[in-house]
Amino acid sequence: MEKLISILEDLQPEVDYATCEDLVDGRHLDSLTILSLISEIEDEFDVEIPTVEIIPANFNSAQKIWELIKRLQEEE
């Protein structure tokens, strides 16, 4: 989770990822940032995020993103 927070902070440093639960809905992460985030996650955590998983519910908080990563790791 620490590495995920670090990646997020590199992309958008002004957001408090420990408490923010509306990263997409609150427009803290825009579409280009999400694409960069996905690329970083795939490289760092050795997962592939399918297009069907790229929905706001999976990216609205660091915790939700972490749950997505763990689930994808378990599926591989």
C-alpha atoms as a PDB file:
ATOM      1  CA  MET A   1       0.000   0.000   0.000  1.00  0.00           C
ATOM      2  CA  GLU A   2       2.898   2.384   0.726  1.00  0.00           C
ATOM      3  CA  LYS A   3       4.182   2.024  -2.836  1.00  0.00           C
ATOM      4  CA  LEU A   4       0.685   2.755  -4.182  1.00  0.00           C
ATOM      5  CA  ILE A   5       0.454   5.921  -2.061  1.00  0.00           C
ATOM      6  CA  SER A   6       3.889   6.942  -3.318  1.00  0.00           C
ATOM      7  CA  ILE A   7       2.790   6.498  -6.946  1.00  0.00           C
ATOM      8  CA  LEU A   8      -0.381   8.508  -6.292  1.00  0.00           C
ATOM      9  CA  GLU A   9       1.566  11.288  -4.571  1.00  0.00           C
ATOM     10  CA  ASP A  10       3.966  11.500  -7.516  1.00  0.00           C
ATOM     11  CA  LEU A  11       1.010  11.983  -9.873  1.00  0.00           C
ATOM     12  CA  GLN A  12      -1.120  14.314  -7.690  1.00  0.00           C
ATOM     13  CA  PRO A  13       0.822  15.479  -4.603  1.00  0.00           C
ATOM     14  CA  GLU A  14      -1.842  17.818  -3.193  1.00  0.00           C
ATOM     15  CA  VAL A  15      -4.371  15.077  -2.328  1.00  0.00           C
ATOM     16  CA  ASP A  16      -4.587  13.365   1.089  1.00  0.00           C
ATOM     17  CA  TYR A  17      -4.818   9.766  -0.089  1.00  0.00           C
ATOM     18  CA  ALA A  18      -5.217   8.390   3.429  1.00  0.00           C
ATOM     19  CA  THR A  19      -8.660   9.991   3.792  1.00  0.00           C
ATOM     20  CA  CYS A  20      -9.894  10.941   0.298  1.00  0.00           C
ATOM     21  CA  GLU A  21     -12.726   8.712  -0.906  1.00  0.00           C
ATOM     22  CA  ASP A  22     -13.777  10.640  -4.006  1.00  0.00           C
ATOM     23  CA  LEU A  23     -10.630  10.671  -6.118  1.00  0.00           C
ATOM     24  CA  VAL A  24     -12.585  10.272  -9.359  1.00  0.00           C
ATOM     25  CA  ASP A  25     -15.972  11.694  -8.369  1.00  0.00           C
ATOM     26  CA  GLY A  26     -14.298  14.722  -6.757  1.00  0.00           C
ATOM     27  CA  ARG A  27     -12.123  15.157  -9.845  1.00  0.00           C
ATOM     28  CA  HIS A  28      -8.845  14.805  -7.954  1.00  0.00           C
ATOM     29  CA  LEU A  29      -7.807  12.312 -10.635  1.00  0.00           C
ATOM     30  CA  ASP A  30      -8.617  13.095 -14.262  1.00  0.00           C
ATOM     31  CA  SER A  31      -8.623  10.620 -17.130  1.00  0.00           C
ATOM     32  CA  LEU A  32      -5.002  11.262 -18.140  1.00  0.00           C
ATOM     33  CA  THR A  33      -3.822  10.864 -14.562  1.00  0.00           C
ATOM     34  CA  ILE A  34      -5.766   7.617 -14.254  1.00  0.00           C
ATOM     35  CA  LEU A  35      -4.122   6.287 -17.426  1.00  0.00           C
ATOM     36  CA  SER A  36      -0.698   7.156 -16.010  1.00  0.00           C
ATOM     37  CA  LEU A  37      -1.678   5.571 -12.699  1.00  0.00           C
ATOM     38  CA  ILE A  38      -2.785   2.372 -14.421  1.00  0.00           C
ATOM     39  CA  SER A  39       0.518   2.145 -16.282  1.00  0.00           C
ATOM     40  CA  GLU A  40       2.476   2.660 -13.049  1.00  0.00           C
ATOM     41  CA  ILE A  41       0.369   0.080 -11.182  1.00  0.00           C
ATOM     42  CA  GLU A  42       0.757  -2.496 -13.936  1.00  0.00           C
ATOM     43  CA  ASP A  43       4.542  -2.041 -13.946  1.00  0.00           C
ATOM     44  CA  GLU A  44       5.018  -1.907 -10.194  1.00  0.00           C
ATOM     45  CA  PHE A  45       2.617  -4.670  -9.123  1.00  0.00           C
ATOM     46  CA  ASP A  46       2.903  -6.937 -12.190  1.00  0.00           C
ATOM     47  CA  VAL A  47      -0.826  -6.961 -12.927  1.00  0.00           C
ATOM     48  CA  GLU A  48      -2.902  -6.126 -15.974  1.00  0.00           C
ATOM     49  CA  ILE A  49      -5.935  -3.957 -15.344  1.00  0.00           C
ATOM     50  CA  PRO A  50      -8.686  -4.928 -17.804  1.00  0.00           C
ATOM     51  CA  THR A  51     -10.713  -2.147 -19.371  1.00  0.00           C
ATOM     52  CA  VAL A  52     -13.883  -3.364 -17.599  1.00  0.00           C
ATOM     53  CA  GLU A  53     -12.170  -2.652 -14.247  1.00  0.00           C
ATOM     54  CA  ILE A  54     -11.498   1.000 -15.091  1.00  0.00           C
ATOM     55  CA  ILE A  55     -14.570   2.387 -13.351  1.00  0.00           C
ATOM     56  CA  PRO A  56     -14.891   5.110 -10.710  1.00  0.00           C
ATOM     57  CA  ALA A  57     -15.783   2.598  -7.983  1.00  0.00           C
ATOM     58  CA  ASN A  58     -12.340   0.999  -8.335  1.00  0.00           C
ATOM     59  CA  PHE A  59     -10.432   4.309  -8.316  1.00  0.00           C
ATOM     60  CA  ASN A  60     -12.288   6.561  -5.838  1.00  0.00           C
ATOM     61  CA  SER A  61      -9.864   5.893  -2.965  1.00  0.00           C
ATOM     62  CA  ALA A  62      -6.399   4.497  -2.388  1.00  0.00           C
ATOM     63  CA  GLN A  63      -8.045   1.645  -0.478  1.00  0.00           C
ATOM     64  CA  LYS A  64     -10.280   0.748  -3.438  1.00  0.00           C
ATOM     65  CA  ILE A  65      -7.305   0.848  -5.807  1.00  0.00           C
ATOM     66  CA  TRP A  66      -5.362  -1.377  -3.398  1.00  0.00           C
ATOM     67  CA  GLU A  67      -8.263  -3.846  -3.234  1.00  0.00           C
ATOM     68  CA  LEU A  68      -8.324  -3.944  -7.044  1.00  0.00           C
ATOM     69  CA  ILE A  69      -4.572  -4.655  -7.176  1.00  0.00           C
ATOM     70  CA  LYS A  70      -4.824  -7.448  -4.602  1.00  0.00           C
ATOM     71  CA  ARG A  71      -7.796  -9.013  -6.385  1.00  0.00           C
ATOM     72  CA  LEU A  72      -5.989  -8.940  -9.741  1.00  0.00           C
ATOM     73  CA  GLN A  73      -2.872 -10.451  -8.185  1.00  0.00           C
ATOM     74  CA  GLU A  74      -4.929 -13.301  -6.739  1.00  0.00           C
ATOM     75  CA  GLU A  75      -6.579 -13.978 -10.115  1.00  0.00           C
ATOM     76  CA  GLU A  76      -3.265 -14.399 -11.935  1.00  0.00           C
END
